[in-house]
């Protein structure tokens, strides 16, 4: 999710680690990956989004992960911690695109892809 030169990340605190991830979730049965992106944005952010493009797709921990650049004109309802596990705390953070590489982003492969993608000025 991008807006005004910033990207929305979740600042995750899990056990004794802190890192940043992009929002996401699983694909429900009879749903395409793009439909899942649109549904999750509506459920988690209260926003209707427009998919610009898929900028990454790779295997991580035995499953295929898809990453999309999306945008919205809607006001976001970015709630605090919505994680189901007590040992995980998530909080949303808008990070300026020019500062993204200064953060610990996981998975590591995503950070490498983002670096390349952002240097091309696409996101």
N, C-alpha and C. Protein backbone atom coordinates (compact mmCIF):
# COMPACT_ATOMS: atom_id res chain seq x y z
N UNK A 1 0.86 -1.16 0.00
CA UNK A 1 0.00 0.00 0.00
C UNK A 1 0.91 1.23 0.00
N UNK A 2 0.68 2.09 -0.94
CA UNK A 2 1.44 3.33 -0.97
C UNK A 2 0.50 4.51 -0.97
N UNK A 3 1.00 5.60 -0.40
CA UNK A 3 0.21 6.82 -0.35
C UNK A 3 1.16 7.98 -0.07
N UNK A 4 1.15 8.95 -0.95
CA UNK A 4 1.95 10.16 -0.73
C UNK A 4 3.43 9.91 -0.51
N UNK A 5 4.03 9.03 -1.28
CA UNK A 5 5.47 8.77 -1.15
C UNK A 5 5.85 7.89 0.02
N UNK A 6 4.85 7.24 0.63
CA UNK A 6 5.12 6.34 1.76
C UNK A 6 4.52 4.98 1.49
N UNK A 7 5.06 3.96 2.17
CA UNK A 7 4.58 2.59 2.07
C UNK A 7 4.13 2.14 3.46
N UNK A 8 2.99 1.47 3.50
CA UNK A 8 2.47 0.99 4.78
C UNK A 8 3.07 -0.37 5.12
N UNK A 9 3.74 -0.43 6.27
CA UNK A 9 4.31 -1.66 6.80
C UNK A 9 3.67 -1.97 8.14
N UNK A 10 3.84 -3.21 8.59
CA UNK A 10 3.52 -3.56 9.97
C UNK A 10 4.84 -3.71 10.71
N UNK A 11 4.96 -3.01 11.81
CA UNK A 11 6.10 -3.18 12.71
C UNK A 11 5.75 -4.34 13.62
N UNK A 12 6.46 -5.43 13.46
CA UNK A 12 6.14 -6.65 14.20
C UNK A 12 7.16 -6.87 15.32
N UNK A 13 6.63 -7.14 16.51
CA UNK A 13 7.45 -7.54 17.66
C UNK A 13 7.02 -8.96 18.00
N UNK A 14 7.96 -9.89 17.86
CA UNK A 14 7.66 -11.30 18.07
C UNK A 14 8.80 -11.89 18.88
N UNK A 15 8.45 -12.38 20.05
CA UNK A 15 9.46 -12.83 21.01
C UNK A 15 10.43 -11.68 21.23
N UNK A 16 11.71 -11.88 20.99
CA UNK A 16 12.69 -10.80 21.22
C UNK A 16 13.15 -10.16 19.91
N UNK A 17 12.37 -10.31 18.86
CA UNK A 17 12.74 -9.75 17.57
C UNK A 17 11.80 -8.62 17.17
N UNK A 18 12.35 -7.67 16.42
CA UNK A 18 11.55 -6.60 15.84
C UNK A 18 11.92 -6.49 14.38
N UNK A 19 10.90 -6.39 13.54
CA UNK A 19 11.13 -6.27 12.10
C UNK A 19 9.88 -5.72 11.46
N UNK A 20 9.94 -5.49 10.15
CA UNK A 20 8.85 -4.90 9.41
C UNK A 20 8.41 -5.84 8.28
N UNK A 21 7.10 -5.94 8.09
CA UNK A 21 6.53 -6.79 7.04
C UNK A 21 5.48 -5.99 6.30
N UNK A 22 5.16 -6.44 5.10
CA UNK A 22 4.04 -5.88 4.38
C UNK A 22 2.77 -6.61 4.80
N UNK A 23 1.64 -5.94 4.72
CA UNK A 23 0.37 -6.56 5.08
C UNK A 23 0.08 -7.71 4.14
N UNK A 24 -0.57 -8.72 4.65
CA UNK A 24 -0.92 -9.84 3.80
C UNK A 24 -1.65 -10.92 4.56
N UNK A 25 -2.10 -11.91 3.79
CA UNK A 25 -2.81 -13.02 4.38
C UNK A 25 -2.92 -14.12 3.34
N UNK A 26 -3.69 -15.13 3.66
CA UNK A 26 -3.85 -16.25 2.75
C UNK A 26 -4.99 -16.05 1.76
N UNK A 27 -4.99 -16.91 0.77
CA UNK A 27 -6.03 -16.91 -0.25
C UNK A 27 -7.08 -17.94 0.17
N UNK A 28 -8.32 -17.52 0.18
CA UNK A 28 -9.40 -18.44 0.53
C UNK A 28 -9.76 -19.30 -0.67
N UNK A 29 -10.45 -20.41 -0.41
CA UNK A 29 -10.83 -21.32 -1.51
C UNK A 29 -11.70 -20.58 -2.53
N UNK A 30 -11.52 -20.94 -3.78
CA UNK A 30 -12.24 -20.35 -4.91
C UNK A 30 -12.01 -18.84 -5.03
N UNK A 31 -10.85 -18.38 -4.62
CA UNK A 31 -10.50 -16.96 -4.68
C UNK A 31 -9.16 -16.85 -5.40
N UNK A 32 -9.02 -15.87 -6.29
CA UNK A 32 -7.73 -15.65 -6.93
C UNK A 32 -6.84 -14.84 -5.99
N UNK A 33 -5.57 -14.78 -6.30
CA UNK A 33 -4.63 -14.00 -5.48
C UNK A 33 -5.04 -12.54 -5.49
N UNK A 34 -5.40 -12.02 -6.65
CA UNK A 34 -5.81 -10.61 -6.73
C UNK A 34 -7.09 -10.34 -5.94
N UNK A 35 -8.03 -11.27 -5.97
CA UNK A 35 -9.25 -11.12 -5.18
C UNK A 35 -8.92 -11.10 -3.68
N UNK A 36 -7.94 -11.92 -3.28
CA UNK A 36 -7.53 -11.95 -1.87
C UNK A 36 -6.92 -10.61 -1.45
N UNK A 37 -6.14 -10.00 -2.32
CA UNK A 37 -5.54 -8.69 -2.01
C UNK A 37 -6.65 -7.66 -1.77
N UNK A 38 -7.62 -7.64 -2.65
CA UNK A 38 -8.72 -6.67 -2.54
C UNK A 38 -9.54 -6.94 -1.28
N UNK A 39 -9.84 -8.21 -1.00
CA UNK A 39 -10.61 -8.57 0.20
C UNK A 39 -9.88 -8.20 1.49
N UNK A 40 -8.59 -8.54 1.55
CA UNK A 40 -7.82 -8.25 2.76
C UNK A 40 -7.71 -6.75 3.02
N UNK A 41 -7.54 -5.97 1.96
CA UNK A 41 -7.46 -4.51 2.14
C UNK A 41 -8.77 -3.98 2.72
N UNK A 42 -9.87 -4.52 2.24
CA UNK A 42 -11.18 -4.08 2.74
C UNK A 42 -11.37 -4.52 4.19
N UNK A 43 -11.00 -5.77 4.51
CA UNK A 43 -11.18 -6.29 5.87
C UNK A 43 -10.25 -5.62 6.87
N UNK A 44 -8.97 -5.48 6.52
CA UNK A 44 -7.98 -5.00 7.48
C UNK A 44 -7.82 -3.50 7.50
N UNK A 45 -8.13 -2.84 6.38
CA UNK A 45 -7.91 -1.39 6.30
C UNK A 45 -9.18 -0.59 6.04
N UNK A 46 -10.28 -1.30 5.75
CA UNK A 46 -11.51 -0.61 5.41
C UNK A 46 -11.42 0.17 4.12
N UNK A 47 -10.53 -0.27 3.21
CA UNK A 47 -10.27 0.49 1.98
C UNK A 47 -10.52 -0.34 0.73
N UNK A 48 -11.04 0.33 -0.26
CA UNK A 48 -11.10 -0.24 -1.60
C UNK A 48 -9.78 0.11 -2.27
N UNK A 49 -9.10 -0.90 -2.79
CA UNK A 49 -7.79 -0.65 -3.40
C UNK A 49 -7.83 -0.95 -4.90
N UNK A 50 -6.89 -0.33 -5.57
CA UNK A 50 -6.65 -0.60 -6.99
C UNK A 50 -5.29 -1.25 -7.09
N UNK A 51 -5.25 -2.43 -7.69
CA UNK A 51 -3.98 -3.11 -7.88
C UNK A 51 -3.25 -2.47 -9.05
N UNK A 52 -2.03 -2.02 -8.81
CA UNK A 52 -1.21 -1.44 -9.86
C UNK A 52 -0.46 -2.55 -10.59
N UNK A 53 0.25 -3.37 -9.81
CA UNK A 53 0.95 -4.50 -10.42
C UNK A 53 1.51 -5.42 -9.35
N UNK A 54 1.76 -6.63 -9.74
CA UNK A 54 2.48 -7.57 -8.88
C UNK A 54 3.97 -7.29 -9.09
N UNK A 55 4.67 -6.99 -8.01
CA UNK A 55 6.10 -6.67 -8.16
C UNK A 55 7.02 -7.76 -7.66
N UNK A 56 6.47 -8.80 -7.02
CA UNK A 56 7.32 -9.90 -6.56
C UNK A 56 6.47 -11.15 -6.36
N UNK A 57 7.10 -12.28 -6.65
CA UNK A 57 6.49 -13.59 -6.40
C UNK A 57 7.65 -14.55 -6.18
N UNK A 58 7.69 -15.17 -4.99
CA UNK A 58 8.78 -16.11 -4.70
C UNK A 58 8.33 -17.07 -3.60
N UNK A 59 9.10 -18.15 -3.47
CA UNK A 59 8.83 -19.13 -2.41
C UNK A 59 9.50 -18.67 -1.12
N UNK A 60 8.75 -18.78 -0.03
CA UNK A 60 9.26 -18.45 1.29
C UNK A 60 8.70 -19.47 2.27
N UNK A 61 9.60 -20.20 2.91
CA UNK A 61 9.20 -21.22 3.89
C UNK A 61 8.20 -22.22 3.32
N UNK A 62 8.45 -22.63 2.09
CA UNK A 62 7.65 -23.67 1.47
C UNK A 62 6.34 -23.23 0.83
N UNK A 63 6.06 -21.95 0.84
CA UNK A 63 4.84 -21.48 0.19
C UNK A 63 5.16 -20.32 -0.75
N UNK A 64 4.32 -20.16 -1.74
CA UNK A 64 4.51 -19.08 -2.71
C UNK A 64 3.87 -17.81 -2.17
N UNK A 65 4.63 -16.72 -2.17
CA UNK A 65 4.13 -15.43 -1.72
C UNK A 65 4.10 -14.47 -2.90
N UNK A 66 3.01 -13.71 -2.97
CA UNK A 66 2.82 -12.71 -4.02
C UNK A 66 2.79 -11.33 -3.36
N UNK A 67 3.45 -10.37 -3.97
CA UNK A 67 3.47 -9.01 -3.45
C UNK A 67 2.99 -8.05 -4.53
N UNK A 68 2.01 -7.21 -4.16
CA UNK A 68 1.39 -6.30 -5.10
C UNK A 68 1.57 -4.86 -4.65
N UNK A 69 1.73 -3.99 -5.62
CA UNK A 69 1.67 -2.56 -5.36
C UNK A 69 0.21 -2.18 -5.53
N UNK A 70 -0.37 -1.57 -4.52
CA UNK A 70 -1.76 -1.13 -4.58
C UNK A 70 -1.84 0.31 -4.10
N UNK A 71 -2.92 0.97 -4.49
CA UNK A 71 -3.15 2.32 -4.01
C UNK A 71 -4.63 2.50 -3.75
N UNK A 72 -4.93 3.52 -2.98
CA UNK A 72 -6.32 3.82 -2.66
C UNK A 72 -6.47 5.32 -2.45
N UNK A 73 -7.66 5.78 -2.70
CA UNK A 73 -8.00 7.16 -2.38
C UNK A 73 -8.81 7.21 -1.09
N UNK A 74 -9.17 6.03 -0.59
CA UNK A 74 -9.98 5.95 0.63
C UNK A 74 -9.16 6.32 1.86
N UNK A 75 -9.86 6.82 2.86
CA UNK A 75 -9.24 7.02 4.16
C UNK A 75 -9.06 5.63 4.78
N UNK A 76 -7.85 5.36 5.27
CA UNK A 76 -7.57 4.05 5.83
C UNK A 76 -7.96 3.98 7.30
N UNK A 77 -8.51 2.85 7.67
CA UNK A 77 -8.81 2.58 9.06
C UNK A 77 -7.74 1.61 9.55
N UNK A 78 -6.55 2.18 9.81
CA UNK A 78 -5.40 1.36 10.19
C UNK A 78 -5.43 1.18 11.69
N UNK A 79 -5.98 0.05 12.08
CA UNK A 79 -6.12 -0.24 13.51
C UNK A 79 -4.78 -0.69 14.08
N UNK A 80 -4.73 -0.72 15.37
CA UNK A 80 -3.54 -1.24 16.04
C UNK A 80 -3.45 -2.74 15.89
N UNK A 81 -2.93 -3.37 16.88
CA UNK A 81 -2.64 -4.80 16.85
C UNK A 81 -3.89 -5.63 16.60
N UNK A 82 -3.87 -6.36 15.49
CA UNK A 82 -4.97 -7.27 15.16
C UNK A 82 -4.50 -8.72 15.13
N UNK A 83 -3.29 -8.97 15.60
CA UNK A 83 -2.74 -10.32 15.55
C UNK A 83 -3.44 -11.21 16.57
N UNK A 84 -3.64 -12.46 16.20
CA UNK A 84 -4.36 -13.40 17.06
C UNK A 84 -3.50 -13.98 18.18
N UNK A 85 -2.20 -13.85 18.06
CA UNK A 85 -1.29 -14.47 19.02
C UNK A 85 -0.79 -13.46 20.05
N UNK A 86 -0.79 -13.86 21.32
CA UNK A 86 -0.34 -12.98 22.39
C UNK A 86 1.14 -12.62 22.29
N UNK A 87 1.93 -13.51 21.69
CA UNK A 87 3.37 -13.28 21.63
C UNK A 87 3.79 -12.45 20.41
N UNK A 88 2.80 -11.98 19.64
CA UNK A 88 3.09 -11.16 18.46
C UNK A 88 2.34 -9.83 18.60
N UNK A 89 3.08 -8.74 18.44
CA UNK A 89 2.46 -7.41 18.48
C UNK A 89 2.76 -6.72 17.16
N UNK A 90 1.71 -6.27 16.46
CA UNK A 90 1.84 -5.57 15.20
C UNK A 90 1.32 -4.15 15.35
N UNK A 91 2.03 -3.20 14.77
CA UNK A 91 1.53 -1.83 14.71
C UNK A 91 1.87 -1.25 13.35
N UNK A 92 0.92 -0.56 12.72
CA UNK A 92 1.14 -0.02 11.38
C UNK A 92 2.11 1.16 11.41
N UNK A 93 2.88 1.28 10.35
CA UNK A 93 3.82 2.40 10.24
C UNK A 93 3.99 2.76 8.77
N UNK A 94 3.74 4.02 8.45
CA UNK A 94 4.00 4.53 7.11
C UNK A 94 5.47 4.91 7.04
N UNK A 95 6.20 4.31 6.12
CA UNK A 95 7.64 4.58 5.98
C UNK A 95 7.86 5.29 4.64
N UNK A 96 8.55 6.45 4.66
CA UNK A 96 8.86 7.11 3.40
C UNK A 96 9.67 6.18 2.50
N UNK A 97 9.34 6.18 1.21
CA UNK A 97 10.00 5.28 0.27
C UNK A 97 11.52 5.45 0.30
N UNK A 98 11.98 6.67 0.48
CA UNK A 98 13.43 6.92 0.48
C UNK A 98 14.12 6.36 1.72
N UNK A 99 13.36 5.92 2.73
CA UNK A 99 13.95 5.40 3.96
C UNK A 99 13.74 3.90 4.17
N UNK A 100 13.01 3.26 3.27
CA UNK A 100 12.64 1.85 3.44
C UNK A 100 13.85 0.96 3.68
N UNK A 101 14.93 1.18 2.97
CA UNK A 101 16.11 0.30 3.08
C UNK A 101 16.82 0.43 4.42
N UNK A 102 16.46 1.41 5.23
CA UNK A 102 17.06 1.59 6.56
C UNK A 102 16.40 0.69 7.61
N UNK A 103 15.35 -0.02 7.24
CA UNK A 103 14.60 -0.84 8.19
C UNK A 103 14.87 -2.33 7.96
N UNK A 104 14.68 -3.11 9.02
CA UNK A 104 14.81 -4.56 8.92
C UNK A 104 13.49 -5.10 8.37
N UNK A 105 13.51 -5.42 7.09
CA UNK A 105 12.32 -5.92 6.41
C UNK A 105 12.46 -7.41 6.19
N UNK A 106 11.41 -8.15 6.53
CA UNK A 106 11.39 -9.59 6.31
C UNK A 106 10.22 -9.96 5.41
N UNK A 107 10.36 -11.01 4.63
CA UNK A 107 11.56 -11.82 4.48
C UNK A 107 12.67 -11.04 3.78
N UNK A 108 13.90 -11.48 3.98
CA UNK A 108 15.07 -10.80 3.43
C UNK A 108 14.96 -10.67 1.92
N UNK A 109 14.46 -11.71 1.28
CA UNK A 109 14.31 -11.66 -0.18
C UNK A 109 13.40 -10.51 -0.60
N UNK A 110 12.37 -10.22 0.19
CA UNK A 110 11.49 -9.10 -0.11
C UNK A 110 12.26 -7.78 -0.07
N UNK A 111 13.11 -7.63 0.92
CA UNK A 111 13.89 -6.39 1.01
C UNK A 111 14.76 -6.21 -0.23
N UNK A 112 15.36 -7.28 -0.72
CA UNK A 112 16.18 -7.19 -1.92
C UNK A 112 15.34 -6.82 -3.14
N UNK A 113 14.16 -7.42 -3.26
CA UNK A 113 13.26 -7.10 -4.37
C UNK A 113 12.79 -5.66 -4.27
N UNK A 114 12.42 -5.23 -3.06
CA UNK A 114 11.97 -3.85 -2.86
C UNK A 114 13.05 -2.85 -3.23
N UNK A 115 14.28 -3.15 -2.85
CA UNK A 115 15.40 -2.25 -3.16
C UNK A 115 15.50 -2.04 -4.66
N UNK A 116 15.42 -3.13 -5.40
CA UNK A 116 15.50 -3.06 -6.87
C UNK A 116 14.28 -2.33 -7.42
N UNK A 117 13.11 -2.67 -6.93
CA UNK A 117 11.86 -2.08 -7.41
C UNK A 117 11.81 -0.58 -7.13
N UNK A 118 12.19 -0.19 -5.93
CA UNK A 118 12.15 1.23 -5.57
C UNK A 118 13.20 2.04 -6.31
N UNK A 119 14.33 1.45 -6.60
CA UNK A 119 15.38 2.19 -7.33
C UNK A 119 14.94 2.49 -8.75
N UNK A 120 13.99 1.70 -9.27
CA UNK A 120 13.46 1.96 -10.61
C UNK A 120 12.36 3.00 -10.59
N UNK A 121 12.03 3.51 -9.40
CA UNK A 121 11.02 4.54 -9.27
C UNK A 121 9.59 4.07 -9.54
N UNK A 122 9.37 2.76 -9.49
CA UNK A 122 8.06 2.22 -9.84
C UNK A 122 7.07 2.30 -8.70
N UNK A 123 7.51 2.25 -7.48
CA UNK A 123 6.58 2.22 -6.37
C UNK A 123 6.55 3.56 -5.73
